[in-house]
Amino acid sequence: MRKALRLTQHEFATTFQLSLATVRDWEQGRYQPDQAARTLLCVIARDPKAVKRARDVLI
């Protein structure tokens, strides 16, 4: 998904308020996302701009 969005790991982590270490661990198969993270990733996959807009409102 990150690659489909053409983002680096750092950009993806920053854009969606995730830690870089978490993104790396998921991609390297060290850890699996928990239920909340899986839900967020599903929403990002469907409408990343909506997640960005929601994040911007909260900041």
PDB file of N, CA and C in Angstrom:
ATOM      1  N   MET A   1       0.822  -1.186   0.000  1.00  0.00           N
ATOM      2  CA  MET A   1       0.000   0.000   0.000  1.00  0.00           C
ATOM      3  C   MET A   1       0.870   1.256   0.000  1.00  0.00           C
ATOM      4  N   ARG A   2       1.885   1.264   0.845  1.00  0.00           N
ATOM      5  CA  ARG A   2       2.766   2.432   0.900  1.00  0.00           C
ATOM      6  C   ARG A   2       3.390   2.701  -0.464  1.00  0.00           C
ATOM      7  N   LYS A   3       3.840   1.649  -1.111  1.00  0.00           N
ATOM      8  CA  LYS A   3       4.472   1.809  -2.420  1.00  0.00           C
ATOM      9  C   LYS A   3       3.465   2.273  -3.464  1.00  0.00           C
ATOM     10  N   ALA A   4       2.227   1.806  -3.356  1.00  0.00           N
ATOM     11  CA  ALA A   4       1.182   2.246  -4.284  1.00  0.00           C
ATOM     12  C   ALA A   4       0.917   3.742  -4.132  1.00  0.00           C
ATOM     13  N   LEU A   5       1.094   4.238  -2.918  1.00  0.00           N
ATOM     14  CA  LEU A   5       0.922   5.674  -2.660  1.00  0.00           C
ATOM     15  C   LEU A   5       2.181   6.466  -3.012  1.00  0.00           C
ATOM     16  N   ARG A   6       3.220   5.744  -3.405  1.00  0.00           N
ATOM     17  CA  ARG A   6       4.510   6.344  -3.776  1.00  0.00           C
ATOM     18  C   ARG A   6       5.111   7.167  -2.641  1.00  0.00           C
ATOM     19  N   LEU A   7       5.081   6.569  -1.444  1.00  0.00           N
ATOM     20  CA  LEU A   7       5.647   7.212  -0.267  1.00  0.00           C
ATOM     21  C   LEU A   7       6.798   6.369   0.269  1.00  0.00           C
ATOM     22  N   THR A   8       7.795   7.039   0.810  1.00  0.00           N
ATOM     23  CA  THR A   8       8.845   6.315   1.523  1.00  0.00           C
ATOM     24  C   THR A   8       8.268   5.849   2.857  1.00  0.00           C
ATOM     25  N   GLN A   9       8.992   4.987   3.535  1.00  0.00           N
ATOM     26  CA  GLN A   9       8.531   4.570   4.863  1.00  0.00           C
ATOM     27  C   GLN A   9       8.395   5.785   5.771  1.00  0.00           C
ATOM     28  N   HIS A  10       9.364   6.674   5.710  1.00  0.00           N
ATOM     29  CA  HIS A  10       9.321   7.873   6.555  1.00  0.00           C
ATOM     30  C   HIS A  10       8.110   8.745   6.215  1.00  0.00           C
ATOM     31  N   GLU A  11       7.863   8.959   4.937  1.00  0.00           N
ATOM     32  CA  GLU A  11       6.715   9.779   4.519  1.00  0.00           C
ATOM     33  C   GLU A  11       5.400   9.139   4.950  1.00  0.00           C
ATOM     34  N   PHE A  12       5.287   7.822   4.774  1.00  0.00           N
ATOM     35  CA  PHE A  12       4.062   7.115   5.164  1.00  0.00           C
ATOM     36  C   PHE A  12       3.838   7.244   6.668  1.00  0.00           C
ATOM     37  N   ALA A  13       4.896   7.010   7.438  1.00  0.00           N
ATOM     38  CA  ALA A  13       4.786   7.098   8.894  1.00  0.00           C
ATOM     39  C   ALA A  13       4.384   8.505   9.327  1.00  0.00           C
ATOM     40  N   THR A  14       5.033   9.499   8.765  1.00  0.00           N
ATOM     41  CA  THR A  14       4.737  10.884   9.124  1.00  0.00           C
ATOM     42  C   THR A  14       3.333  11.288   8.695  1.00  0.00           C
ATOM     43  N   THR A  15       2.969  10.941   7.482  1.00  0.00           N
ATOM     44  CA  THR A  15       1.666  11.326   6.939  1.00  0.00           C
ATOM     45  C   THR A  15       0.517  10.764   7.766  1.00  0.00           C
ATOM     46  N   PHE A  16       0.670   9.520   8.213  1.00  0.00           N
ATOM     47  CA  PHE A  16      -0.432   8.859   8.911  1.00  0.00           C
ATOM     48  C   PHE A  16      -0.177   8.694  10.406  1.00  0.00           C
ATOM     49  N   GLN A  17       0.767   9.473  10.929  1.00  0.00           N
ATOM     50  CA  GLN A  17       1.080   9.535  12.355  1.00  0.00           C
ATOM     51  C   GLN A  17       1.377   8.158  12.945  1.00  0.00           C
ATOM     52  N   LEU A  18       2.253   7.441  12.285  1.00  0.00           N
ATOM     53  CA  LEU A  18       2.734   6.149  12.758  1.00  0.00           C
ATOM     54  C   LEU A  18       4.228   6.290  13.022  1.00  0.00           C
ATOM     55  N   SER A  19       4.757   5.436  13.864  1.00  0.00           N
ATOM     56  CA  SER A  19       6.205   5.493  14.057  1.00  0.00           C
ATOM     57  C   SER A  19       6.894   4.800  12.887  1.00  0.00           C
ATOM     58  N   LEU A  20       8.049   5.304  12.539  1.00  0.00           N
ATOM     59  CA  LEU A  20       8.823   4.713  11.458  1.00  0.00           C
ATOM     60  C   LEU A  20       9.183   3.269  11.798  1.00  0.00           C
ATOM     61  N   ALA A  21       9.526   3.017  13.046  1.00  0.00           N
ATOM     62  CA  ALA A  21       9.877   1.655  13.470  1.00  0.00           C
ATOM     63  C   ALA A  21       8.705   0.701  13.278  1.00  0.00           C
ATOM     64  N   THR A  22       7.503   1.169  13.561  1.00  0.00           N
ATOM     65  CA  THR A  22       6.313   0.330  13.389  1.00  0.00           C
ATOM     66  C   THR A  22       6.114  -0.025  11.926  1.00  0.00           C
ATOM     67  N   VAL A  23       6.214   0.958  11.058  1.00  0.00           N
ATOM     68  CA  VAL A  23       6.055   0.709   9.619  1.00  0.00           C
ATOM     69  C   VAL A  23       7.112  -0.281   9.147  1.00  0.00           C
ATOM     70  N   ARG A  24       8.339  -0.083   9.568  1.00  0.00           N
ATOM     71  CA  ARG A  24       9.422  -1.006   9.184  1.00  0.00           C
ATOM     72  C   ARG A  24       9.136  -2.419   9.676  1.00  0.00           C
ATOM     73  N   ASP A  25       8.727  -2.529  10.938  1.00  0.00           N
ATOM     74  CA  ASP A  25       8.453  -3.855  11.508  1.00  0.00           C
ATOM     75  C   ASP A  25       7.328  -4.560  10.770  1.00  0.00           C
ATOM     76  N   TRP A  26       6.276  -3.841  10.411  1.00  0.00           N
ATOM     77  CA  TRP A  26       5.177  -4.450   9.653  1.00  0.00           C
ATOM     78  C   TRP A  26       5.684  -4.945   8.307  1.00  0.00           C
ATOM     79  N   GLU A  27       6.427  -4.105   7.627  1.00  0.00           N
ATOM     80  CA  GLU A  27       6.889  -4.464   6.284  1.00  0.00           C
ATOM     81  C   GLU A  27       7.904  -5.602   6.300  1.00  0.00           C
ATOM     82  N   GLN A  28       8.666  -5.709   7.361  1.00  0.00           N
ATOM     83  CA  GLN A  28       9.667  -6.772   7.451  1.00  0.00           C
ATOM     84  C   GLN A  28       9.102  -8.034   8.093  1.00  0.00           C
ATOM     85  N   GLY A  29       7.813  -8.006   8.449  1.00  0.00           N
ATOM     86  CA  GLY A  29       7.160  -9.178   9.011  1.00  0.00           C
ATOM     87  C   GLY A  29       7.509  -9.467  10.462  1.00  0.00           C
ATOM     88  N   ARG A  30       8.103  -8.507  11.137  1.00  0.00           N
ATOM     89  CA  ARG A  30       8.447  -8.701  12.551  1.00  0.00           C
ATOM     90  C   ARG A  30       7.206  -8.690  13.426  1.00  0.00           C
ATOM     91  N   TYR A  31       6.271  -7.838  13.079  1.00  0.00           N
ATOM     92  CA  TYR A  31       5.026  -7.705  13.830  1.00  0.00           C
ATOM     93  C   TYR A  31       3.870  -7.574  12.860  1.00  0.00           C
ATOM     94  N   GLN A  32       2.703  -7.974  13.319  1.00  0.00           N
ATOM     95  CA  GLN A  32       1.478  -7.788  12.559  1.00  0.00           C
ATOM     96  C   GLN A  32       0.716  -6.617  13.178  1.00  0.00           C
ATOM     97  N   PRO A  33       0.069  -5.804  12.372  1.00  0.00           N
ATOM     98  CA  PRO A  33      -0.731  -4.704  12.922  1.00  0.00           C
ATOM     99  C   PRO A  33      -1.855  -5.255  13.802  1.00  0.00           C
ATOM    100  N   ASP A  34      -2.135  -4.557  14.906  1.00  0.00           N
ATOM    101  CA  ASP A  34      -3.265  -4.960  15.743  1.00  0.00           C
ATOM    102  C   ASP A  34      -4.568  -4.539  15.057  1.00  0.00           C
ATOM    103  N   GLN A  35      -5.693  -4.830  15.684  1.00  0.00           N
ATOM    104  CA  GLN A  35      -6.991  -4.573  15.054  1.00  0.00           C
ATOM    105  C   GLN A  35      -7.179  -3.095  14.706  1.00  0.00           C
ATOM    106  N   ALA A  36      -6.817  -2.211  15.608  1.00  0.00           N
ATOM    107  CA  ALA A  36      -6.976  -0.774  15.340  1.00  0.00           C
ATOM    108  C   ALA A  36      -6.106  -0.344  14.158  1.00  0.00           C
ATOM    109  N   ALA A  37      -4.883  -0.833  14.121  1.00  0.00           N
ATOM    110  CA  ALA A  37      -3.983  -0.492  13.015  1.00  0.00           C
ATOM    111  C   ALA A  37      -4.484  -1.074  11.703  1.00  0.00           C
ATOM    112  N   ARG A  38      -5.009  -2.301  11.741  1.00  0.00           N
ATOM    113  CA  ARG A  38      -5.554  -2.900  10.513  1.00  0.00           C
ATOM    114  C   ARG A  38      -6.728  -2.083   9.994  1.00  0.00           C
ATOM    115  N   THR A  39      -7.552  -1.595  10.906  1.00  0.00           N
ATOM    116  CA  THR A  39      -8.684  -0.759  10.507  1.00  0.00           C
ATOM    117  C   THR A  39      -8.181   0.526   9.851  1.00  0.00           C
ATOM    118  N   LEU A  40      -7.204   1.170  10.472  1.00  0.00           N
ATOM    119  CA  LEU A  40      -6.627   2.388   9.895  1.00  0.00           C
ATOM    120  C   LEU A  40      -6.036   2.103   8.523  1.00  0.00           C
ATOM    121  N   LEU A  41      -5.312   1.010   8.383  1.00  0.00           N
ATOM    122  CA  LEU A  41      -4.704   0.669   7.099  1.00  0.00           C
ATOM    123  C   LEU A  41      -5.760   0.419   6.027  1.00  0.00           C
ATOM    124  N   CYS A  42      -6.878  -0.174   6.409  1.00  0.00           N
ATOM    125  CA  CYS A  42      -7.975  -0.387   5.446  1.00  0.00           C
ATOM    126  C   CYS A  42      -8.542   0.945   4.965  1.00  0.00           C
ATOM    127  N   VAL A  43      -8.709   1.884   5.891  1.00  0.00           N
ATOM    128  CA  VAL A  43      -9.229   3.200   5.517  1.00  0.00           C
ATOM    129  C   VAL A  43      -8.211   3.934   4.642  1.00  0.00           C
ATOM    130  N   ILE A  44      -6.939   3.842   4.998  1.00  0.00           N
ATOM    131  CA  ILE A  44      -5.897   4.466   4.177  1.00  0.00           C
ATOM    132  C   ILE A  44      -5.929   3.888   2.769  1.00  0.00           C
ATOM    133  N   ALA A  45      -6.088   2.579   2.662  1.00  0.00           N
ATOM    134  CA  ALA A  45      -6.107   1.929   1.345  1.00  0.00           C
ATOM    135  C   ALA A  45      -7.276   2.417   0.500  1.00  0.00           C
ATOM    136  N   ARG A  46      -8.412   2.673   1.137  1.00  0.00           N
ATOM    137  CA  ARG A  46      -9.604   3.098   0.392  1.00  0.00           C
ATOM    138  C   ARG A  46      -9.614   4.580   0.076  1.00  0.00           C
ATOM    139  N   ASP A  47      -9.180   5.391   1.052  1.00  0.00           N
ATOM    140  CA  ASP A  47      -9.266   6.841   0.856  1.00  0.00           C
ATOM    141  C   ASP A  47      -8.184   7.554   1.666  1.00  0.00           C
ATOM    142  N   PRO A  48      -6.946   7.504   1.202  1.00  0.00           N
ATOM    143  CA  PRO A  48      -5.863   8.125   1.974  1.00  0.00           C
ATOM    144  C   PRO A  48      -6.052   9.623   2.191  1.00  0.00           C
ATOM    145  N   LYS A  49      -6.680  10.296   1.246  1.00  0.00           N
ATOM    146  CA  LYS A  49      -6.896  11.742   1.401  1.00  0.00           C
ATOM    147  C   LYS A  49      -7.844  12.040   2.558  1.00  0.00           C
ATOM    148  N   ALA A  50      -8.829  11.181   2.778  1.00  0.00           N
ATOM    149  CA  ALA A  50      -9.757  11.372   3.894  1.00  0.00           C
ATOM    150  C   ALA A  50      -9.025  11.244   5.225  1.00  0.00           C
ATOM    151  N   VAL A  51      -8.109  10.305   5.303  1.00  0.00           N
ATOM    152  CA  VAL A  51      -7.333  10.133   6.530  1.00  0.00           C
ATOM    153  C   VAL A  51      -6.451  11.357   6.758  1.00  0.00           C
ATOM    154  N   LYS A  52      -5.844  11.871   5.710  1.00  0.00           N
ATOM    155  CA  LYS A  52      -5.021  13.080   5.829  1.00  0.00           C
ATOM    156  C   LYS A  52      -5.861  14.264   6.299  1.00  0.00           C
ATOM    157  N   ARG A  53      -7.064  14.406   5.714  1.00  0.00           N
ATOM    158  CA  ARG A  53      -7.939  15.516   6.116  1.00  0.00           C
ATOM    159  C   ARG A  53      -8.333  15.383   7.580  1.00  0.00           C
ATOM    160  N   ALA A  54      -8.690  14.188   8.009  1.00  0.00           N
ATOM    161  CA  ALA A  54      -9.075  13.963   9.403  1.00  0.00           C
ATOM    162  C   ALA A  54      -7.903  14.266  10.334  1.00  0.00           C
ATOM    163  N   ARG A  55      -6.718  13.855   9.940  1.00  0.00           N
ATOM    164  CA  ARG A  55      -5.528  14.131  10.738  1.00  0.00           C
ATOM    165  C   ARG A  55      -5.305  15.628  10.864  1.00  0.00           C
ATOM    166  N   ASP A  56      -5.467  16.349   9.772  1.00  0.00           N
ATOM    167  CA  ASP A  56      -5.238  17.791   9.780  1.00  0.00           C
ATOM    168  C   ASP A  56      -6.229  18.521  10.680  1.00  0.00           C
ATOM    169  N   VAL A  57      -7.439  18.017  10.781  1.00  0.00           N
ATOM    170  CA  VAL A  57      -8.445  18.625  11.652  1.00  0.00           C
ATOM    171  C   VAL A  57      -8.048  18.449  13.115  1.00  0.00           C
ATOM    172  N   LEU A  58      -7.446  17.312  13.426  1.00  0.00           N
ATOM    173  CA  LEU A  58      -7.087  17.010  14.811  1.00  0.00           C
ATOM    174  C   LEU A  58      -5.809  17.698  15.271  1.00  0.00           C
ATOM    175  N   ILE A  59      -5.017  18.172  14.331  1.00  0.00           N
ATOM    176  CA  ILE A  59      -3.732  18.801  14.705  1.00  0.00           C
ATOM    177  C   ILE A  59      -3.933  20.251  15.058  1.00  0.00           C
TER     178      ILE A  59
END
